[in-house]
N, C-alpha and C. Protein backbone atom coordinates (compact mmCIF):
# COMPACT_ATOMS: atom_id res chain seq x y z
N MET A 1 247.52 46.42 206.52
CA MET A 1 248.27 47.62 206.75
C MET A 1 249.46 47.66 205.79
N THR A 2 249.68 48.81 205.17
CA THR A 2 250.76 48.98 204.22
C THR A 2 252.04 49.37 204.94
N THR A 3 253.11 48.66 204.63
CA THR A 3 254.38 49.01 205.25
C THR A 3 255.01 50.17 204.49
N PHE A 4 256.03 50.76 205.09
CA PHE A 4 256.74 51.87 204.47
C PHE A 4 257.29 51.46 203.11
N PHE A 5 257.88 50.27 203.02
CA PHE A 5 258.50 49.83 201.78
C PHE A 5 257.47 49.53 200.70
N GLU A 6 256.33 48.99 201.08
CA GLU A 6 255.25 48.78 200.12
C GLU A 6 254.76 50.10 199.57
N HIS A 7 254.63 51.09 200.45
CA HIS A 7 254.21 52.42 200.03
C HIS A 7 255.23 53.03 199.06
N GLN A 8 256.52 52.89 199.38
CA GLN A 8 257.58 53.42 198.52
C GLN A 8 257.53 52.77 197.14
N ARG A 9 257.34 51.45 197.10
CA ARG A 9 257.30 50.71 195.84
C ARG A 9 256.08 51.13 195.01
N ALA A 10 254.95 51.29 195.65
CA ALA A 10 253.74 51.72 194.94
C ALA A 10 253.91 53.14 194.40
N SER A 11 254.53 53.99 195.17
CA SER A 11 254.80 55.36 194.73
C SER A 11 255.73 55.36 193.53
N TYR A 12 256.76 54.53 193.58
CA TYR A 12 257.69 54.40 192.46
C TYR A 12 256.94 54.01 191.18
N LYS A 13 256.09 53.00 191.28
CA LYS A 13 255.36 52.52 190.11
C LYS A 13 254.43 53.59 189.55
N ARG A 14 253.75 54.31 190.42
CA ARG A 14 252.86 55.39 189.96
C ARG A 14 253.65 56.49 189.24
N ASN A 15 254.76 56.90 189.82
CA ASN A 15 255.58 57.94 189.20
C ASN A 15 256.16 57.48 187.87
N TYR A 16 256.57 56.24 187.82
CA TYR A 16 257.09 55.65 186.59
C TYR A 16 256.02 55.74 185.49
N MET A 17 254.81 55.31 185.83
CA MET A 17 253.72 55.32 184.86
C MET A 17 253.32 56.74 184.45
N ARG A 18 253.42 57.68 185.37
CA ARG A 18 253.11 59.07 185.03
C ARG A 18 254.03 59.59 183.93
N ASN A 19 255.30 59.17 183.93
CA ASN A 19 256.21 59.55 182.85
C ASN A 19 255.64 59.10 181.50
N LEU A 20 255.16 57.87 181.44
CA LEU A 20 254.61 57.33 180.20
C LEU A 20 253.35 58.08 179.77
N ILE A 21 252.50 58.35 180.74
CA ILE A 21 251.24 59.05 180.45
C ILE A 21 251.53 60.47 179.98
N CYS A 22 252.47 61.14 180.61
CA CYS A 22 252.83 62.51 180.21
C CYS A 22 253.34 62.53 178.78
N LEU A 23 254.21 61.60 178.45
CA LEU A 23 254.74 61.53 177.09
C LEU A 23 253.61 61.26 176.09
N ALA A 24 252.76 60.31 176.40
CA ALA A 24 251.67 59.97 175.49
C ALA A 24 250.67 61.12 175.33
N SER A 25 250.60 61.99 176.32
CA SER A 25 249.64 63.11 176.30
C SER A 25 250.21 64.40 175.75
N LEU A 26 251.45 64.37 175.28
CA LEU A 26 252.09 65.60 174.80
C LEU A 26 251.29 66.28 173.69
N ASP A 27 250.61 65.50 172.89
CA ASP A 27 249.84 66.10 171.79
C ASP A 27 248.44 66.53 172.23
N GLY A 28 248.17 66.46 173.52
CA GLY A 28 246.89 66.92 174.05
C GLY A 28 245.82 65.85 174.14
N LYS A 29 246.13 64.67 173.65
CA LYS A 29 245.15 63.58 173.73
C LYS A 29 245.88 62.26 173.95
N LEU A 30 245.18 61.34 174.56
CA LEU A 30 245.71 60.00 174.81
C LEU A 30 244.85 59.07 173.97
N ASP A 31 245.38 58.63 172.82
CA ASP A 31 244.54 57.81 171.95
C ASP A 31 244.51 56.36 172.42
N GLU A 32 243.68 55.58 171.77
CA GLU A 32 243.41 54.21 172.21
C GLU A 32 244.65 53.31 172.20
N GLU A 33 245.48 53.44 171.15
CA GLU A 33 246.70 52.63 171.09
C GLU A 33 247.62 52.94 172.27
N GLU A 34 247.79 54.22 172.55
CA GLU A 34 248.63 54.64 173.67
C GLU A 34 248.07 54.15 175.00
N ARG A 35 246.78 54.30 175.16
CA ARG A 35 246.10 53.87 176.38
C ARG A 35 246.29 52.35 176.60
N ASN A 36 246.11 51.57 175.54
CA ASN A 36 246.27 50.12 175.65
C ASN A 36 247.71 49.74 175.99
N LEU A 37 248.67 50.41 175.36
CA LEU A 37 250.08 50.13 175.64
C LEU A 37 250.42 50.50 177.08
N ILE A 38 249.93 51.62 177.54
CA ILE A 38 250.18 52.03 178.93
C ILE A 38 249.61 51.00 179.90
N HIS A 39 248.42 50.49 179.63
CA HIS A 39 247.85 49.44 180.48
C HIS A 39 248.73 48.19 180.47
N LYS A 40 249.17 47.80 179.29
CA LYS A 40 250.01 46.61 179.16
C LYS A 40 251.31 46.78 179.96
N ILE A 41 251.95 47.93 179.81
CA ILE A 41 253.20 48.20 180.52
C ILE A 41 252.95 48.25 182.03
N GLY A 42 251.87 48.90 182.44
CA GLY A 42 251.56 49.01 183.86
C GLY A 42 251.39 47.66 184.52
N VAL A 43 250.66 46.77 183.87
CA VAL A 43 250.45 45.42 184.41
C VAL A 43 251.79 44.67 184.42
N LYS A 44 252.57 44.81 183.35
CA LYS A 44 253.89 44.17 183.30
C LYS A 44 254.79 44.66 184.43
N ARG A 45 254.65 45.92 184.81
CA ARG A 45 255.49 46.51 185.86
C ARG A 45 254.90 46.31 187.25
N GLY A 46 253.80 45.56 187.36
CA GLY A 46 253.31 45.15 188.67
C GLY A 46 252.11 45.90 189.21
N LEU A 47 251.47 46.72 188.38
CA LEU A 47 250.25 47.40 188.83
C LEU A 47 249.03 46.58 188.41
N LYS A 48 247.95 46.79 189.12
CA LYS A 48 246.69 46.16 188.76
C LYS A 48 246.01 47.03 187.70
N VAL A 49 245.14 46.42 186.91
CA VAL A 49 244.46 47.13 185.83
C VAL A 49 243.75 48.37 186.36
N TRP A 50 243.07 48.26 187.50
CA TRP A 50 242.34 49.39 188.06
C TRP A 50 243.30 50.51 188.47
N GLN A 51 244.51 50.16 188.92
CA GLN A 51 245.47 51.18 189.30
C GLN A 51 245.95 51.96 188.07
N VAL A 52 246.20 51.24 186.99
CA VAL A 52 246.62 51.90 185.75
C VAL A 52 245.49 52.79 185.24
N SER A 53 244.28 52.27 185.27
CA SER A 53 243.12 53.06 184.81
C SER A 53 242.98 54.34 185.62
N GLU A 54 243.17 54.23 186.90
CA GLU A 54 243.09 55.39 187.79
C GLU A 54 244.14 56.44 187.41
N LEU A 55 245.34 56.00 187.13
CA LEU A 55 246.42 56.91 186.73
C LEU A 55 246.12 57.56 185.38
N VAL A 56 245.63 56.78 184.45
CA VAL A 56 245.32 57.32 183.12
C VAL A 56 244.22 58.37 183.21
N GLU A 57 243.21 58.11 184.04
CA GLU A 57 242.10 59.05 184.18
C GLU A 57 242.47 60.30 184.96
N SER A 58 243.40 60.18 185.88
CA SER A 58 243.81 61.31 186.71
C SER A 58 245.33 61.24 186.94
N PRO A 59 246.11 61.60 185.91
CA PRO A 59 247.55 61.39 185.99
C PRO A 59 248.31 62.28 186.97
N GLY A 60 247.72 63.38 187.37
CA GLY A 60 248.44 64.29 188.27
C GLY A 60 249.42 65.14 187.48
N ASN A 61 250.48 65.57 188.13
CA ASN A 61 251.41 66.46 187.45
C ASN A 61 252.34 65.68 186.53
N CYS A 62 253.02 66.42 185.68
CA CYS A 62 253.96 65.80 184.74
C CYS A 62 255.39 66.08 185.16
N GLU A 63 255.62 66.01 186.44
CA GLU A 63 256.97 66.18 186.94
C GLU A 63 257.77 64.93 186.58
N MET A 64 258.95 65.15 186.01
CA MET A 64 259.76 64.03 185.57
C MET A 64 260.25 63.20 186.75
N PHE A 65 260.07 61.91 186.63
CA PHE A 65 260.53 60.96 187.64
C PHE A 65 261.70 60.17 187.06
N LEU A 66 262.81 60.14 187.78
CA LEU A 66 264.00 59.43 187.32
C LEU A 66 264.37 58.32 188.29
N PRO A 67 264.28 57.09 187.85
CA PRO A 67 264.67 55.97 188.71
C PRO A 67 266.15 56.08 189.10
N GLU A 68 266.49 55.48 190.22
CA GLU A 68 267.87 55.55 190.70
C GLU A 68 268.78 54.53 190.03
N SER A 69 268.34 53.30 189.89
CA SER A 69 269.23 52.27 189.34
C SER A 69 269.30 52.36 187.82
N MET A 70 270.44 52.00 187.28
CA MET A 70 270.62 52.03 185.82
C MET A 70 269.66 51.05 185.15
N ASN A 71 269.42 49.91 185.75
CA ASN A 71 268.49 48.95 185.17
C ASN A 71 267.09 49.54 185.05
N ASN A 72 266.62 50.20 186.10
CA ASN A 72 265.30 50.82 186.06
C ASN A 72 265.26 52.00 185.10
N ARG A 73 266.36 52.71 184.97
CA ARG A 73 266.43 53.82 184.01
C ARG A 73 266.30 53.31 182.58
N MET A 74 266.98 52.21 182.30
CA MET A 74 266.91 51.65 180.95
C MET A 74 265.53 51.05 180.69
N ASN A 75 264.89 50.48 181.71
CA ASN A 75 263.50 50.01 181.55
C ASN A 75 262.59 51.19 181.20
N LEU A 76 262.79 52.31 181.87
CA LEU A 76 261.98 53.50 181.59
C LEU A 76 262.19 53.96 180.15
N ILE A 77 263.45 54.04 179.71
CA ILE A 77 263.72 54.45 178.33
C ILE A 77 263.04 53.51 177.35
N TYR A 78 263.14 52.23 177.60
CA TYR A 78 262.51 51.22 176.73
C TYR A 78 261.00 51.46 176.64
N ASP A 79 260.36 51.63 177.77
CA ASP A 79 258.91 51.83 177.78
C ASP A 79 258.53 53.16 177.14
N LEU A 80 259.31 54.21 177.38
CA LEU A 80 259.03 55.50 176.75
C LEU A 80 259.15 55.40 175.22
N MET A 81 260.16 54.68 174.77
CA MET A 81 260.33 54.53 173.31
C MET A 81 259.19 53.75 172.69
N GLN A 82 258.63 52.80 173.42
CA GLN A 82 257.44 52.10 172.90
C GLN A 82 256.29 53.10 172.70
N ILE A 83 256.13 54.00 173.66
CA ILE A 83 255.08 55.02 173.57
C ILE A 83 255.34 55.94 172.38
N VAL A 84 256.59 56.38 172.23
CA VAL A 84 256.94 57.28 171.13
C VAL A 84 256.58 56.66 169.78
N HIS A 85 256.83 55.38 169.62
CA HIS A 85 256.67 54.74 168.31
C HIS A 85 255.35 54.00 168.11
N ILE A 86 254.45 54.01 169.08
CA ILE A 86 253.22 53.24 168.96
C ILE A 86 252.36 53.68 167.77
N ASP A 87 252.41 54.98 167.45
CA ASP A 87 251.58 55.48 166.36
C ASP A 87 252.35 55.64 165.05
N ASN A 88 253.59 55.17 165.02
CA ASN A 88 254.45 55.25 163.83
C ASN A 88 254.69 56.68 163.36
N HIS A 89 254.56 57.62 164.28
CA HIS A 89 254.82 59.03 163.94
C HIS A 89 255.48 59.68 165.15
N VAL A 90 256.73 60.09 164.98
CA VAL A 90 257.49 60.71 166.07
C VAL A 90 257.44 62.22 165.90
N THR A 91 256.93 62.90 166.91
CA THR A 91 256.84 64.36 166.85
C THR A 91 258.09 65.01 167.45
N ASP A 92 258.26 66.28 167.16
CA ASP A 92 259.37 67.03 167.75
C ASP A 92 259.26 67.05 169.27
N TYR A 93 258.03 67.15 169.78
CA TYR A 93 257.82 67.16 171.24
C TYR A 93 258.31 65.86 171.87
N GLU A 94 258.01 64.75 171.20
CA GLU A 94 258.44 63.45 171.73
C GLU A 94 259.96 63.33 171.72
N THR A 95 260.57 63.81 170.64
CA THR A 95 262.03 63.77 170.55
C THR A 95 262.65 64.65 171.64
N GLU A 96 262.10 65.83 171.84
CA GLU A 96 262.59 66.73 172.89
C GLU A 96 262.42 66.10 174.28
N PHE A 97 261.28 65.46 174.51
CA PHE A 97 261.03 64.79 175.78
C PHE A 97 262.10 63.72 176.02
N MET A 98 262.38 62.93 174.99
CA MET A 98 263.39 61.87 175.13
C MET A 98 264.78 62.47 175.35
N MET A 99 265.08 63.57 174.70
CA MET A 99 266.37 64.24 174.92
C MET A 99 266.49 64.67 176.38
N THR A 100 265.41 65.23 176.91
CA THR A 100 265.41 65.68 178.31
C THR A 100 265.62 64.50 179.25
N ILE A 101 264.92 63.41 178.99
CA ILE A 101 265.07 62.21 179.83
C ILE A 101 266.50 61.68 179.77
N VAL A 102 267.01 61.53 178.57
CA VAL A 102 268.36 60.98 178.39
C VAL A 102 269.40 61.86 179.08
N GLU A 103 269.30 63.16 178.90
CA GLU A 103 270.24 64.07 179.55
C GLU A 103 270.10 64.04 181.06
N SER A 104 268.87 63.95 181.55
CA SER A 104 268.63 63.88 182.99
C SER A 104 269.21 62.62 183.61
N LEU A 105 269.29 61.58 182.81
CA LEU A 105 269.85 60.31 183.28
C LEU A 105 271.37 60.25 183.11
N ASN A 106 271.92 61.38 182.70
CA ASN A 106 273.38 61.49 182.49
C ASN A 106 273.90 60.52 181.44
N LEU A 107 273.09 60.31 180.41
CA LEU A 107 273.52 59.51 179.28
C LEU A 107 273.88 60.44 178.13
N GLN A 108 274.62 59.94 177.17
CA GLN A 108 275.04 60.74 176.03
C GLN A 108 273.83 61.10 175.17
N PRO A 109 273.67 62.38 174.83
CA PRO A 109 272.51 62.81 174.02
C PRO A 109 272.41 62.09 172.67
N GLU A 110 273.55 61.64 172.13
CA GLU A 110 273.54 60.97 170.83
C GLU A 110 272.71 59.69 170.83
N ILE A 111 272.51 59.12 172.00
CA ILE A 111 271.78 57.85 172.00
C ILE A 111 270.31 58.04 171.62
N VAL A 112 269.81 59.27 171.68
CA VAL A 112 268.42 59.48 171.26
C VAL A 112 268.26 59.10 169.80
N ASN A 113 269.20 59.52 168.95
CA ASN A 113 269.13 59.15 167.53
C ASN A 113 269.23 57.65 167.36
N GLN A 114 270.08 57.00 168.13
CA GLN A 114 270.20 55.55 168.05
C GLN A 114 268.91 54.87 168.49
N LEU A 115 268.30 55.41 169.55
CA LEU A 115 267.03 54.86 170.02
C LEU A 115 265.95 55.01 168.96
N MET A 116 265.87 56.19 168.35
CA MET A 116 264.84 56.43 167.34
C MET A 116 265.01 55.46 166.17
N ALA A 117 266.24 55.25 165.74
CA ALA A 117 266.50 54.32 164.64
C ALA A 117 266.16 52.89 165.05
N MET A 118 266.53 52.51 166.26
CA MET A 118 266.31 51.15 166.74
C MET A 118 264.82 50.82 166.81
N PHE A 119 264.01 51.76 167.28
CA PHE A 119 262.58 51.50 167.47
C PHE A 119 261.75 51.79 166.22
N GLN A 120 262.36 52.40 165.22
CA GLN A 120 261.62 52.77 164.01
C GLN A 120 261.01 51.56 163.32
N GLU A 121 261.71 50.45 163.37
CA GLU A 121 261.24 49.22 162.72
C GLU A 121 260.39 48.35 163.64
N GLY A 122 260.10 48.83 164.83
CA GLY A 122 259.35 48.06 165.80
C GLY A 122 260.15 47.89 167.07
N VAL A 123 259.55 47.25 168.03
CA VAL A 123 260.22 47.03 169.32
C VAL A 123 261.39 46.07 169.09
N PRO A 124 262.60 46.46 169.55
CA PRO A 124 263.76 45.58 169.35
C PRO A 124 263.63 44.28 170.13
N SER A 125 264.33 43.28 169.65
CA SER A 125 264.34 41.99 170.35
C SER A 125 265.05 42.16 171.69
N ALA A 126 264.85 41.20 172.56
CA ALA A 126 265.49 41.24 173.88
C ALA A 126 267.01 41.30 173.72
N GLU A 127 267.54 40.56 172.76
CA GLU A 127 268.99 40.54 172.53
C GLU A 127 269.50 41.89 172.02
N GLU A 128 268.77 42.50 171.10
CA GLU A 128 269.16 43.83 170.60
C GLU A 128 269.16 44.85 171.73
N TRP A 129 268.13 44.78 172.57
CA TRP A 129 268.04 45.73 173.68
C TRP A 129 269.17 45.50 174.68
N LYS A 130 269.45 44.26 174.96
CA LYS A 130 270.54 43.93 175.89
C LYS A 130 271.87 44.48 175.36
N ASP A 131 272.11 44.33 174.06
CA ASP A 131 273.33 44.86 173.45
C ASP A 131 273.37 46.38 173.55
N PHE A 132 272.24 47.02 173.33
CA PHE A 132 272.18 48.48 173.42
C PHE A 132 272.47 48.95 174.85
N VAL A 133 271.87 48.30 175.82
CA VAL A 133 272.08 48.66 177.23
C VAL A 133 273.55 48.50 177.57
N SER A 134 274.15 47.41 177.13
CA SER A 134 275.58 47.20 177.38
C SER A 134 276.41 48.31 176.75
N PHE A 135 276.04 48.70 175.55
CA PHE A 135 276.76 49.76 174.84
C PHE A 135 276.67 51.10 175.60
N THR A 136 275.52 51.42 176.16
CA THR A 136 275.37 52.70 176.86
C THR A 136 276.13 52.74 178.17
N ARG A 137 276.45 51.59 178.70
CA ARG A 137 277.17 51.53 179.98
C ARG A 137 278.69 51.59 179.80
N GLU A 138 279.14 51.53 178.55
CA GLU A 138 280.59 51.57 178.31
C GLU A 138 281.13 52.97 178.44
């Protein structure tokens, strides 16, 4: 039997992953690199492979989900930026999506440019990301 809190946690994870799937699908297709990265992130965030596959095949609506804690918000931004840069081509739609997310999280819009520059050369190291998170909280 699933408890209320287990249900809430599972719902959180599904909604979190839907953000990634929506971003990856902005161009009308979910290519193999994006699909593989979404699976990797989903498993890292505590979902089973079949759960991620189910979400990818039937993502539901693209209603924006915003985590409550700053730590979870920054995790979401990190994962979204991985999706944006997986194909080494950032579209205007992806930039607009990130602007919307950043503004919805009550962060300074200028950080989108910083994020784009940071991820342009690949996924930042844990130390670089930690420094960036600290900077955004000042």
